[in-house]
Amino acid sequence: MISLGADVAKDSIVIFDGNSTFTVANKPTELRKFLVQHPGARLAVEPTGGMQDLICQIAFKLGMTVYVIQSSWIRSHRRGIKPRGKTDKIDAQTIQDFLVERADHLHIWRPLPKLLAELRLTLRQRQGLAKDLSRMRQRYRALKLAKAHLEALLKPLHDLIQMKDDRLKELLEDIPNLASLELESSRPAQRSVR
């Protein structure tokens, strides 16, 4: 079975197939074009703040087995094999090597139901906006702006955060009614990696 290790970045993904390394644009058409050439393969990536979602979804739709492996596990594996340097190519090789060695002990990735995917995205957005608001407050206070000017500058961000909070409340209210949420029954039994 072909095992692909992918080091994901915003604009491109470096993929190692056990023999060769490829750089593919992190765009739907390019990823699909590359992945269809590897039918039945299994794919491993590290979580990268959501940038891995696209390749995971495309690979899953193509019938590939997908794994999202914790970064700490990859770091520990890297220390064990002691590669020379740290590049995207070496990272892709390390991820692929970890997959080959540990696939039997890993959880298979599946896309979240639509409602939970939106909840996760909305939470990420809200967290990012809150961090930005905190930074901007500190920066503008250091400039000793008048309170009215400070409030005027920060109001659009406050409003956007409030919109995200309102949407989160709506999503959380909908979760008990989600009939298709069968995460526990669709997951294989958990196995730990040691």
N, C-alpha and C. Protein backbone atom coordinates (compact mmCIF):
# COMPACT_ATOMS: atom_id res chain seq x y z
N MET A 1 0.84 -1.18 0.00
CA MET A 1 0.00 0.00 0.00
C MET A 1 0.89 1.25 0.00
N ILE A 2 0.53 2.22 -0.82
CA ILE A 2 1.28 3.47 -0.89
C ILE A 2 0.93 4.32 0.32
N SER A 3 1.96 4.85 0.99
CA SER A 3 1.77 5.75 2.13
C SER A 3 2.35 7.10 1.76
N LEU A 4 1.51 8.14 1.90
CA LEU A 4 1.92 9.49 1.57
C LEU A 4 2.04 10.31 2.85
N GLY A 5 3.17 10.99 2.99
CA GLY A 5 3.36 11.93 4.10
C GLY A 5 3.34 13.33 3.52
N ALA A 6 2.51 14.20 4.08
CA ALA A 6 2.35 15.54 3.51
C ALA A 6 2.66 16.60 4.54
N ASP A 7 3.54 17.52 4.19
CA ASP A 7 3.85 18.69 5.02
C ASP A 7 3.07 19.85 4.42
N VAL A 8 2.07 20.33 5.15
CA VAL A 8 1.11 21.29 4.62
C VAL A 8 1.48 22.72 4.99
N ALA A 9 1.45 23.60 4.02
CA ALA A 9 1.60 25.04 4.23
C ALA A 9 0.43 25.74 3.53
N LYS A 10 0.35 27.02 3.73
CA LYS A 10 -0.79 27.77 3.18
C LYS A 10 -0.88 27.66 1.66
N ASP A 11 0.24 27.84 0.97
CA ASP A 11 0.22 27.89 -0.49
C ASP A 11 0.58 26.59 -1.18
N SER A 12 1.34 25.74 -0.49
CA SER A 12 1.78 24.50 -1.14
C SER A 12 1.89 23.37 -0.12
N ILE A 13 1.92 22.16 -0.65
CA ILE A 13 2.05 20.97 0.18
C ILE A 13 3.17 20.12 -0.41
N VAL A 14 4.11 19.74 0.45
CA VAL A 14 5.19 18.86 0.04
C VAL A 14 4.78 17.44 0.44
N ILE A 15 4.78 16.54 -0.54
CA ILE A 15 4.29 15.17 -0.32
C ILE A 15 5.40 14.18 -0.67
N PHE A 16 5.62 13.23 0.24
CA PHE A 16 6.61 12.17 0.03
C PHE A 16 5.87 10.84 -0.06
N ASP A 17 6.17 10.05 -1.10
CA ASP A 17 5.46 8.78 -1.31
C ASP A 17 6.29 7.55 -0.98
N GLY A 18 7.42 7.75 -0.33
CA GLY A 18 8.30 6.63 0.00
C GLY A 18 9.51 6.58 -0.92
N ASN A 19 9.38 7.19 -2.12
CA ASN A 19 10.48 7.23 -3.08
C ASN A 19 10.82 8.64 -3.53
N SER A 20 9.78 9.41 -3.83
CA SER A 20 9.97 10.74 -4.41
C SER A 20 9.21 11.79 -3.62
N THR A 21 9.64 13.03 -3.79
CA THR A 21 8.99 14.17 -3.13
C THR A 21 8.37 15.05 -4.21
N PHE A 22 7.15 15.51 -3.93
CA PHE A 22 6.41 16.35 -4.86
C PHE A 22 5.94 17.60 -4.13
N THR A 23 5.91 18.73 -4.82
CA THR A 23 5.34 19.94 -4.27
C THR A 23 4.10 20.26 -5.08
N VAL A 24 2.97 20.36 -4.38
CA VAL A 24 1.67 20.57 -5.02
C VAL A 24 1.04 21.82 -4.44
N ALA A 25 0.45 22.64 -5.29
CA ALA A 25 -0.24 23.84 -4.82
C ALA A 25 -1.40 23.42 -3.92
N ASN A 26 -1.61 24.16 -2.84
CA ASN A 26 -2.70 23.86 -1.91
C ASN A 26 -4.00 24.42 -2.46
N LYS A 27 -4.40 23.87 -3.60
CA LYS A 27 -5.62 24.28 -4.31
C LYS A 27 -6.37 23.03 -4.72
N PRO A 28 -7.70 23.08 -4.72
CA PRO A 28 -8.49 21.87 -4.99
C PRO A 28 -8.12 21.14 -6.27
N THR A 29 -8.02 21.86 -7.39
CA THR A 29 -7.76 21.16 -8.66
C THR A 29 -6.38 20.51 -8.67
N GLU A 30 -5.38 21.20 -8.14
CA GLU A 30 -4.02 20.65 -8.13
C GLU A 30 -3.92 19.43 -7.20
N LEU A 31 -4.54 19.54 -6.03
CA LEU A 31 -4.49 18.42 -5.08
C LEU A 31 -5.21 17.20 -5.64
N ARG A 32 -6.38 17.44 -6.21
CA ARG A 32 -7.15 16.32 -6.77
C ARG A 32 -6.37 15.65 -7.90
N LYS A 33 -5.77 16.47 -8.77
CA LYS A 33 -4.99 15.93 -9.89
C LYS A 33 -3.84 15.04 -9.38
N PHE A 34 -3.21 15.46 -8.30
CA PHE A 34 -2.11 14.66 -7.74
C PHE A 34 -2.65 13.40 -7.06
N LEU A 35 -3.66 13.55 -6.23
CA LEU A 35 -4.15 12.43 -5.42
C LEU A 35 -4.81 11.32 -6.25
N VAL A 36 -5.46 11.65 -7.35
CA VAL A 36 -6.08 10.60 -8.17
C VAL A 36 -5.04 9.67 -8.77
N GLN A 37 -3.80 10.09 -8.81
CA GLN A 37 -2.72 9.25 -9.32
C GLN A 37 -2.27 8.21 -8.30
N HIS A 38 -2.83 8.28 -7.09
CA HIS A 38 -2.44 7.36 -6.01
C HIS A 38 -3.67 6.67 -5.42
N PRO A 39 -4.42 5.92 -6.24
CA PRO A 39 -5.65 5.29 -5.74
C PRO A 39 -5.33 4.29 -4.62
N GLY A 40 -6.19 4.31 -3.60
CA GLY A 40 -6.04 3.37 -2.49
C GLY A 40 -4.92 3.69 -1.52
N ALA A 41 -4.25 4.81 -1.73
CA ALA A 41 -3.15 5.18 -0.84
C ALA A 41 -3.70 5.63 0.51
N ARG A 42 -2.82 5.68 1.48
CA ARG A 42 -3.17 6.29 2.75
C ARG A 42 -2.33 7.56 2.90
N LEU A 43 -2.90 8.57 3.54
CA LEU A 43 -2.29 9.90 3.61
C LEU A 43 -2.20 10.33 5.06
N ALA A 44 -1.05 10.87 5.45
CA ALA A 44 -0.88 11.41 6.80
C ALA A 44 -0.42 12.86 6.71
N VAL A 45 -1.00 13.68 7.57
CA VAL A 45 -0.63 15.09 7.70
C VAL A 45 -0.58 15.44 9.18
N GLU A 46 0.05 16.57 9.48
CA GLU A 46 -0.02 17.16 10.82
C GLU A 46 -1.12 18.21 10.80
N PRO A 47 -1.76 18.48 11.94
CA PRO A 47 -2.72 19.59 11.96
C PRO A 47 -1.98 20.92 11.82
N THR A 48 -2.49 21.77 10.96
CA THR A 48 -1.83 23.06 10.69
C THR A 48 -2.85 24.19 10.73
N GLY A 49 -3.61 24.26 11.79
CA GLY A 49 -4.57 25.34 11.96
C GLY A 49 -5.65 25.37 10.90
N GLY A 50 -5.98 24.23 10.36
CA GLY A 50 -7.04 24.16 9.36
C GLY A 50 -6.54 24.12 7.93
N MET A 51 -5.26 24.43 7.71
CA MET A 51 -4.74 24.41 6.33
C MET A 51 -4.72 23.00 5.76
N GLN A 52 -4.75 21.98 6.63
CA GLN A 52 -4.74 20.59 6.18
C GLN A 52 -6.12 20.11 5.77
N ASP A 53 -7.16 20.86 6.09
CA ASP A 53 -8.53 20.40 5.84
C ASP A 53 -8.80 20.08 4.37
N LEU A 54 -8.30 20.92 3.48
CA LEU A 54 -8.59 20.73 2.05
C LEU A 54 -8.04 19.40 1.53
N ILE A 55 -6.77 19.13 1.78
CA ILE A 55 -6.19 17.87 1.28
C ILE A 55 -6.86 16.68 1.95
N CYS A 56 -7.20 16.79 3.22
CA CYS A 56 -7.87 15.68 3.91
C CYS A 56 -9.23 15.40 3.30
N GLN A 57 -9.99 16.44 3.03
CA GLN A 57 -11.33 16.26 2.47
C GLN A 57 -11.27 15.66 1.07
N ILE A 58 -10.36 16.15 0.25
CA ILE A 58 -10.24 15.63 -1.12
C ILE A 58 -9.81 14.16 -1.08
N ALA A 59 -8.80 13.84 -0.26
CA ALA A 59 -8.32 12.46 -0.16
C ALA A 59 -9.44 11.54 0.35
N PHE A 60 -10.19 12.00 1.33
CA PHE A 60 -11.30 11.20 1.87
C PHE A 60 -12.34 10.93 0.79
N LYS A 61 -12.70 11.95 0.02
CA LYS A 61 -13.69 11.78 -1.05
C LYS A 61 -13.20 10.83 -2.14
N LEU A 62 -11.89 10.75 -2.30
CA LEU A 62 -11.32 9.83 -3.28
C LEU A 62 -11.17 8.41 -2.73
N GLY A 63 -11.60 8.20 -1.50
CA GLY A 63 -11.54 6.87 -0.91
C GLY A 63 -10.23 6.52 -0.23
N MET A 64 -9.38 7.51 -0.02
CA MET A 64 -8.12 7.25 0.66
C MET A 64 -8.34 7.17 2.16
N THR A 65 -7.45 6.48 2.85
CA THR A 65 -7.46 6.46 4.30
C THR A 65 -6.60 7.63 4.76
N VAL A 66 -7.18 8.48 5.61
CA VAL A 66 -6.52 9.73 5.99
C VAL A 66 -6.25 9.73 7.50
N TYR A 67 -5.07 10.22 7.86
CA TYR A 67 -4.68 10.35 9.26
C TYR A 67 -4.20 11.77 9.51
N VAL A 68 -4.68 12.38 10.58
CA VAL A 68 -4.15 13.66 11.03
C VAL A 68 -3.41 13.35 12.33
N ILE A 69 -2.09 13.46 12.29
CA ILE A 69 -1.23 12.98 13.37
C ILE A 69 -0.77 14.17 14.22
N GLN A 70 -0.85 14.00 15.52
CA GLN A 70 -0.44 15.07 16.43
C GLN A 70 1.00 15.48 16.16
N SER A 71 1.23 16.78 16.17
CA SER A 71 2.57 17.32 15.91
C SER A 71 3.59 16.81 16.91
N SER A 72 3.19 16.66 18.17
CA SER A 72 4.14 16.19 19.19
C SER A 72 4.63 14.78 18.88
N TRP A 73 3.77 13.93 18.31
CA TRP A 73 4.19 12.58 17.94
C TRP A 73 5.22 12.63 16.82
N ILE A 74 4.99 13.53 15.86
CA ILE A 74 5.94 13.66 14.74
C ILE A 74 7.28 14.20 15.26
N ARG A 75 7.24 15.17 16.17
CA ARG A 75 8.49 15.72 16.74
C ARG A 75 9.28 14.62 17.45
N SER A 76 8.59 13.81 18.24
CA SER A 76 9.27 12.72 18.95
C SER A 76 9.88 11.73 17.95
N HIS A 77 9.13 11.41 16.93
CA HIS A 77 9.63 10.48 15.89
C HIS A 77 10.86 11.08 15.20
N ARG A 78 10.80 12.38 14.91
CA ARG A 78 11.92 13.05 14.24
C ARG A 78 13.18 12.94 15.10
N ARG A 79 13.03 13.15 16.42
CA ARG A 79 14.20 13.04 17.31
C ARG A 79 14.77 11.63 17.28
N GLY A 80 13.89 10.64 17.15
CA GLY A 80 14.34 9.25 17.13
C GLY A 80 15.09 8.87 15.87
N ILE A 81 14.73 9.46 14.74
CA ILE A 81 15.41 9.09 13.48
C ILE A 81 16.52 10.07 13.13
N LYS A 82 16.59 11.18 13.84
CA LYS A 82 17.65 12.18 13.70
C LYS A 82 17.97 12.56 12.24
N PRO A 83 17.01 13.17 11.55
CA PRO A 83 17.31 13.58 10.17
C PRO A 83 18.29 14.75 10.16
N ARG A 84 18.89 14.95 9.02
CA ARG A 84 19.84 16.07 8.88
C ARG A 84 19.05 17.31 8.50
N GLY A 85 18.86 18.20 9.47
CA GLY A 85 18.16 19.45 9.20
C GLY A 85 16.65 19.30 9.33
N LYS A 86 15.98 20.42 9.03
CA LYS A 86 14.51 20.43 9.07
C LYS A 86 14.03 21.28 7.91
N THR A 87 13.54 20.60 6.90
CA THR A 87 12.98 21.26 5.73
C THR A 87 11.60 20.68 5.49
N ASP A 88 10.84 21.28 4.58
CA ASP A 88 9.53 20.73 4.24
C ASP A 88 9.66 19.30 3.70
N LYS A 89 10.68 19.07 2.91
CA LYS A 89 10.91 17.74 2.34
C LYS A 89 11.20 16.72 3.44
N ILE A 90 12.05 17.09 4.38
CA ILE A 90 12.38 16.19 5.49
C ILE A 90 11.15 15.96 6.37
N ASP A 91 10.35 17.02 6.58
CA ASP A 91 9.13 16.87 7.37
C ASP A 91 8.16 15.90 6.70
N ALA A 92 7.99 16.01 5.40
CA ALA A 92 7.10 15.10 4.67
C ALA A 92 7.61 13.66 4.78
N GLN A 93 8.91 13.47 4.69
CA GLN A 93 9.50 12.13 4.83
C GLN A 93 9.29 11.58 6.24
N THR A 94 9.43 12.46 7.24
CA THR A 94 9.25 12.04 8.63
C THR A 94 7.80 11.62 8.88
N ILE A 95 6.87 12.38 8.35
CA ILE A 95 5.44 12.06 8.51
C ILE A 95 5.13 10.73 7.82
N GLN A 96 5.67 10.54 6.63
CA GLN A 96 5.44 9.29 5.89
C GLN A 96 6.06 8.11 6.64
N ASP A 97 7.25 8.29 7.17
CA ASP A 97 7.93 7.24 7.92
C ASP A 97 7.12 6.86 9.17
N PHE A 98 6.59 7.87 9.86
CA PHE A 98 5.77 7.63 11.04
C PHE A 98 4.51 6.84 10.67
N LEU A 99 3.89 7.22 9.56
CA LEU A 99 2.68 6.53 9.10
C LEU A 99 2.98 5.07 8.80
N VAL A 100 4.05 4.81 8.08
CA VAL A 100 4.41 3.43 7.74
C VAL A 100 4.63 2.61 9.01
N GLU A 101 5.32 3.21 9.98
CA GLU A 101 5.66 2.50 11.21
C GLU A 101 4.46 2.28 12.13
N ARG A 102 3.54 3.28 12.20
CA ARG A 102 2.52 3.28 13.24
C ARG A 102 1.07 3.24 12.75
N ALA A 103 0.82 3.03 11.50
CA ALA A 103 -0.55 3.11 10.96
C ALA A 103 -1.56 2.26 11.73
N ASP A 104 -1.13 1.10 12.18
CA ASP A 104 -2.06 0.21 12.89
C ASP A 104 -2.51 0.78 14.24
N HIS A 105 -1.82 1.79 14.73
CA HIS A 105 -2.13 2.36 16.04
C HIS A 105 -2.74 3.75 15.95
N LEU A 106 -3.07 4.20 14.77
CA LEU A 106 -3.57 5.56 14.57
C LEU A 106 -5.07 5.58 14.32
N HIS A 107 -5.67 6.69 14.62
CA HIS A 107 -7.09 6.88 14.34
C HIS A 107 -7.27 7.38 12.91
N ILE A 108 -8.23 6.83 12.23
CA ILE A 108 -8.53 7.27 10.87
C ILE A 108 -9.34 8.57 10.96
N TRP A 109 -8.96 9.53 10.15
CA TRP A 109 -9.65 10.83 10.11
C TRP A 109 -10.92 10.72 9.28
N ARG A 110 -11.95 11.37 9.75
CA ARG A 110 -13.20 11.49 9.00
C ARG A 110 -13.65 12.94 9.10
N PRO A 111 -14.27 13.47 8.07
CA PRO A 111 -14.75 14.86 8.15
C PRO A 111 -15.84 14.99 9.21
N LEU A 112 -15.85 16.13 9.86
CA LEU A 112 -16.90 16.40 10.83
C LEU A 112 -18.23 16.62 10.13
N PRO A 113 -19.34 16.31 10.81
CA PRO A 113 -20.63 16.71 10.25
C PRO A 113 -20.64 18.23 10.04
N LYS A 114 -21.42 18.68 9.09
CA LYS A 114 -21.42 20.09 8.68
C LYS A 114 -21.59 21.05 9.86
N LEU A 115 -22.50 20.74 10.75
CA LEU A 115 -22.77 21.60 11.89
C LEU A 115 -21.54 21.73 12.80
N LEU A 116 -20.88 20.60 13.07
CA LEU A 116 -19.69 20.64 13.92
C LEU A 116 -18.52 21.31 13.22
N ALA A 117 -18.41 21.14 11.92
CA ALA A 117 -17.35 21.82 11.16
C ALA A 117 -17.54 23.33 11.23
N GLU A 118 -18.79 23.79 11.10
CA GLU A 118 -19.04 25.23 11.21
C GLU A 118 -18.77 25.72 12.63
N LEU A 119 -19.12 24.93 13.62
CA LEU A 119 -18.85 25.29 15.01
C LEU A 119 -17.35 25.45 15.24
N ARG A 120 -16.57 24.50 14.75
CA ARG A 120 -15.11 24.58 14.91
C ARG A 120 -14.54 25.82 14.22
N LEU A 121 -14.99 26.07 12.99
CA LEU A 121 -14.51 27.24 12.25
C LEU A 121 -14.90 28.54 12.96
N THR A 122 -16.13 28.62 13.43
CA THR A 122 -16.59 29.84 14.11
C THR A 122 -15.80 30.06 15.39
N LEU A 123 -15.50 29.00 16.11
CA LEU A 123 -14.67 29.12 17.32
C LEU A 123 -13.27 29.63 16.98
N ARG A 124 -12.67 29.07 15.92
CA ARG A 124 -11.35 29.53 15.49
C ARG A 124 -11.38 31.01 15.14
N GLN A 125 -12.40 31.41 14.39
CA GLN A 125 -12.51 32.81 13.99
C GLN A 125 -12.65 33.71 15.21
N ARG A 126 -13.49 33.30 16.15
CA ARG A 126 -13.72 34.10 17.34
C ARG A 126 -12.43 34.24 18.16
N GLN A 127 -11.69 33.14 18.29
CA GLN A 127 -10.43 33.18 19.03
C GLN A 127 -9.43 34.13 18.38
N GLY A 128 -9.33 34.06 17.05
CA GLY A 128 -8.42 34.95 16.33
C GLY A 128 -8.80 36.40 16.48
N LEU A 129 -10.09 36.69 16.37
CA LEU A 129 -10.56 38.06 16.53
C LEU A 129 -10.30 38.58 17.94
N ALA A 130 -10.51 37.74 18.94
CA ALA A 130 -10.27 38.16 20.32
C ALA A 130 -8.79 38.46 20.55
N LYS A 131 -7.90 37.66 19.97
CA LYS A 131 -6.45 37.93 20.08
C LYS A 131 -6.11 39.27 19.42
N ASP A 132 -6.66 39.48 18.24
CA ASP A 132 -6.41 40.73 17.53
C ASP A 132 -6.92 41.93 18.33
N LEU A 133 -8.09 41.80 18.92
CA LEU A 133 -8.66 42.88 19.72
C LEU A 133 -7.75 43.21 20.90
N SER A 134 -7.25 42.20 21.56
CA SER A 134 -6.35 42.41 22.70
C SER A 134 -5.08 43.13 22.27
N ARG A 135 -4.49 42.69 21.16
CA ARG A 135 -3.27 43.34 20.64
C ARG A 135 -3.54 44.80 20.26
N MET A 136 -4.66 45.01 19.58
CA MET A 136 -4.98 46.38 19.14
C MET A 136 -5.23 47.29 20.34
N ARG A 137 -5.92 46.79 21.35
CA ARG A 137 -6.14 47.60 22.56
C ARG A 137 -4.82 48.05 23.16
N GLN A 138 -3.90 47.11 23.31
CA GLN A 138 -2.59 47.45 23.88
C GLN A 138 -1.85 48.46 23.02
N ARG A 139 -1.86 48.23 21.72
CA ARG A 139 -1.15 49.11 20.81
C ARG A 139 -1.72 50.53 20.85
N TYR A 140 -3.04 50.64 20.79
CA TYR A 140 -3.68 51.96 20.76
C TYR A 140 -3.60 52.66 22.11
N ARG A 141 -3.62 51.91 23.21
CA ARG A 141 -3.44 52.53 24.53
C ARG A 141 -2.04 53.09 24.66
N ALA A 142 -1.06 52.37 24.11
CA ALA A 142 0.32 52.85 24.16
C ALA A 142 0.47 54.16 23.39
N LEU A 143 -0.40 54.36 22.40
CA LEU A 143 -0.37 55.62 21.63
C LEU A 143 -1.10 56.74 22.35
N LYS A 144 -1.72 56.41 23.49
CA LYS A 144 -2.45 57.39 24.31
C LYS A 144 -3.54 58.11 23.52
N LEU A 145 -4.30 57.30 22.77
CA LEU A 145 -5.42 57.85 22.01
C LEU A 145 -6.56 58.22 22.96
N ALA A 146 -7.33 59.19 22.57
CA ALA A 146 -8.50 59.57 23.35
C ALA A 146 -9.46 58.38 23.40
N LYS A 147 -10.20 58.27 24.51
CA LYS A 147 -11.10 57.13 24.70
C LYS A 147 -12.10 57.01 23.55
N ALA A 148 -12.64 58.13 23.09
CA ALA A 148 -13.63 58.11 22.00
C ALA A 148 -13.00 57.57 20.71
N HIS A 149 -11.74 57.94 20.44
CA HIS A 149 -11.05 57.45 19.24
C HIS A 149 -10.76 55.96 19.36
N LEU A 150 -10.33 55.55 20.57
CA LEU A 150 -10.05 54.13 20.81
C LEU A 150 -11.31 53.29 20.60
N GLU A 151 -12.43 53.74 21.15
CA GLU A 151 -13.69 53.01 20.99
C GLU A 151 -14.13 52.95 19.53
N ALA A 152 -13.93 54.06 18.80
CA ALA A 152 -14.32 54.08 17.39
C ALA A 152 -13.49 53.10 16.56
N LEU A 153 -12.20 53.00 16.89
CA LEU A 153 -11.33 52.08 16.17
C LEU A 153 -11.67 50.61 16.48
N LEU A 154 -12.03 50.34 17.72
CA LEU A 154 -12.25 48.95 18.13
C LEU A 154 -13.68 48.46 17.93
N LYS A 155 -14.63 49.38 17.72
CA LYS A 155 -16.04 49.00 17.60
C LYS A 155 -16.30 47.96 16.50
N PRO A 156 -15.75 48.11 15.29
CA PRO A 156 -16.02 47.08 14.27
C PRO A 156 -15.57 45.68 14.70
N LEU A 157 -14.46 45.61 15.41
CA LEU A 157 -13.97 44.31 15.87
C LEU A 157 -14.88 43.76 16.99
N HIS A 158 -15.30 44.64 17.89
CA HIS A 158 -16.26 44.23 18.93
C HIS A 158 -17.53 43.69 18.29
N ASP A 159 -18.03 44.39 17.27
CA ASP A 159 -19.26 43.97 16.60
C ASP A 159 -19.10 42.61 15.93
N LEU A 160 -17.95 42.40 15.30
CA LEU A 160 -17.69 41.13 14.63
C LEU A 160 -17.60 39.98 15.65
N ILE A 161 -16.96 40.24 16.79
CA ILE A 161 -16.88 39.23 17.84
C ILE A 161 -18.28 38.91 18.35
N GLN A 162 -19.10 39.94 18.51
CA GLN A 162 -20.48 39.71 18.97
C GLN A 162 -21.26 38.86 17.96
N MET A 163 -21.03 39.10 16.65
CA MET A 163 -21.68 38.29 15.63
C MET A 163 -21.26 36.82 15.75
N LYS A 164 -19.97 36.61 15.99
CA LYS A 164 -19.48 35.23 16.16
C LYS A 164 -20.08 34.59 17.41
N ASP A 165 -20.18 35.36 18.50
CA ASP A 165 -20.79 34.84 19.73
C ASP A 165 -22.25 34.44 19.47
N ASP A 166 -22.97 35.28 18.76
CA ASP A 166 -24.38 34.99 18.45
C ASP A 166 -24.49 33.71 17.62
N ARG A 167 -23.59 33.57 16.64
CA ARG A 167 -23.63 32.38 15.79
C ARG A 167 -23.28 31.13 16.60
N LEU A 168 -22.33 31.25 17.52
CA LEU A 168 -21.97 30.12 18.36
C LEU A 168 -23.16 29.66 19.20
N LYS A 169 -23.90 30.60 19.74
CA LYS A 169 -25.09 30.25 20.53
C LYS A 169 -26.10 29.50 19.66
N GLU A 170 -26.31 29.98 18.43
CA GLU A 170 -27.24 29.30 17.52
C GLU A 170 -26.78 27.87 17.22
N LEU A 171 -25.49 27.73 16.94
CA LEU A 171 -24.95 26.41 16.61
C LEU A 171 -25.07 25.46 17.80
N LEU A 172 -24.77 25.94 18.98
CA LEU A 172 -24.85 25.10 20.17
C LEU A 172 -26.29 24.67 20.46
N GLU A 173 -27.23 25.53 20.14
CA GLU A 173 -28.64 25.17 20.32
C GLU A 173 -29.06 24.08 19.34
N ASP A 174 -28.43 24.05 18.15
CA ASP A 174 -28.79 23.07 17.13
C ASP A 174 -28.17 21.69 17.37
N ILE A 175 -27.12 21.61 18.16
CA ILE A 175 -26.42 20.33 18.33
C ILE A 175 -27.31 19.22 18.87
N PRO A 176 -28.14 19.45 19.90
CA PRO A 176 -28.98 18.33 20.38
C PRO A 176 -29.92 17.77 19.31
N ASN A 177 -30.23 18.56 18.29
CA ASN A 177 -31.14 18.12 17.24
C ASN A 177 -30.43 17.46 16.06
N LEU A 178 -29.14 17.31 16.15
CA LEU A 178 -28.36 16.78 15.04
C LEU A 178 -28.48 15.26 14.99
N ALA A 179 -29.39 14.78 14.18
CA ALA A 179 -29.65 13.34 14.10
C ALA A 179 -28.50 12.57 13.48
N SER A 180 -27.75 13.20 12.59
CA SER A 180 -26.69 12.48 11.87
C SER A 180 -25.39 12.43 12.66
N LEU A 181 -25.39 12.93 13.87
CA LEU A 181 -24.16 12.94 14.65
C LEU A 181 -23.96 11.58 15.32
N GLU A 182 -23.18 10.74 14.65
CA GLU A 182 -22.92 9.41 15.16
C GLU A 182 -21.42 9.19 15.24
N LEU A 183 -20.75 10.14 15.88
CA LEU A 183 -19.29 10.06 15.93
C LEU A 183 -18.81 8.81 16.66
N GLU A 184 -19.37 8.51 17.80
CA GLU A 184 -18.89 7.37 18.59
C GLU A 184 -19.07 6.05 17.84
N SER A 185 -20.21 5.87 17.18
CA SER A 185 -20.45 4.60 16.51
C SER A 185 -19.68 4.46 15.21
N SER A 186 -19.23 5.58 14.63
CA SER A 186 -18.52 5.49 13.34
C SER A 186 -17.02 5.43 13.51
N ARG A 187 -16.53 5.60 14.73
CA ARG A 187 -15.08 5.58 14.96
C ARG A 187 -14.61 4.19 15.31
N PRO A 188 -13.42 3.83 14.84
CA PRO A 188 -12.86 2.56 15.28
C PRO A 188 -12.46 2.68 16.75
N ALA A 189 -12.30 1.57 17.41
CA ALA A 189 -11.90 1.60 18.82
C ALA A 189 -10.58 2.36 18.96
N GLN A 190 -10.48 3.15 20.02
CA GLN A 190 -9.28 3.96 20.22
C GLN A 190 -8.10 3.08 20.63
N ARG A 191 -6.99 3.40 20.04
CA ARG A 191 -5.75 2.73 20.42
C ARG A 191 -4.72 3.79 20.69
N SER A 192 -3.92 3.62 21.68
CA SER A 192 -2.91 4.63 22.00
C SER A 192 -1.62 4.35 21.26
N VAL A 193 -0.87 5.42 21.05
CA VAL A 193 0.43 5.29 20.41
C VAL A 193 1.49 5.44 21.49
N ARG A 194 2.34 4.48 21.60
CA ARG A 194 3.39 4.55 22.63
C ARG A 194 4.74 4.46 21.99
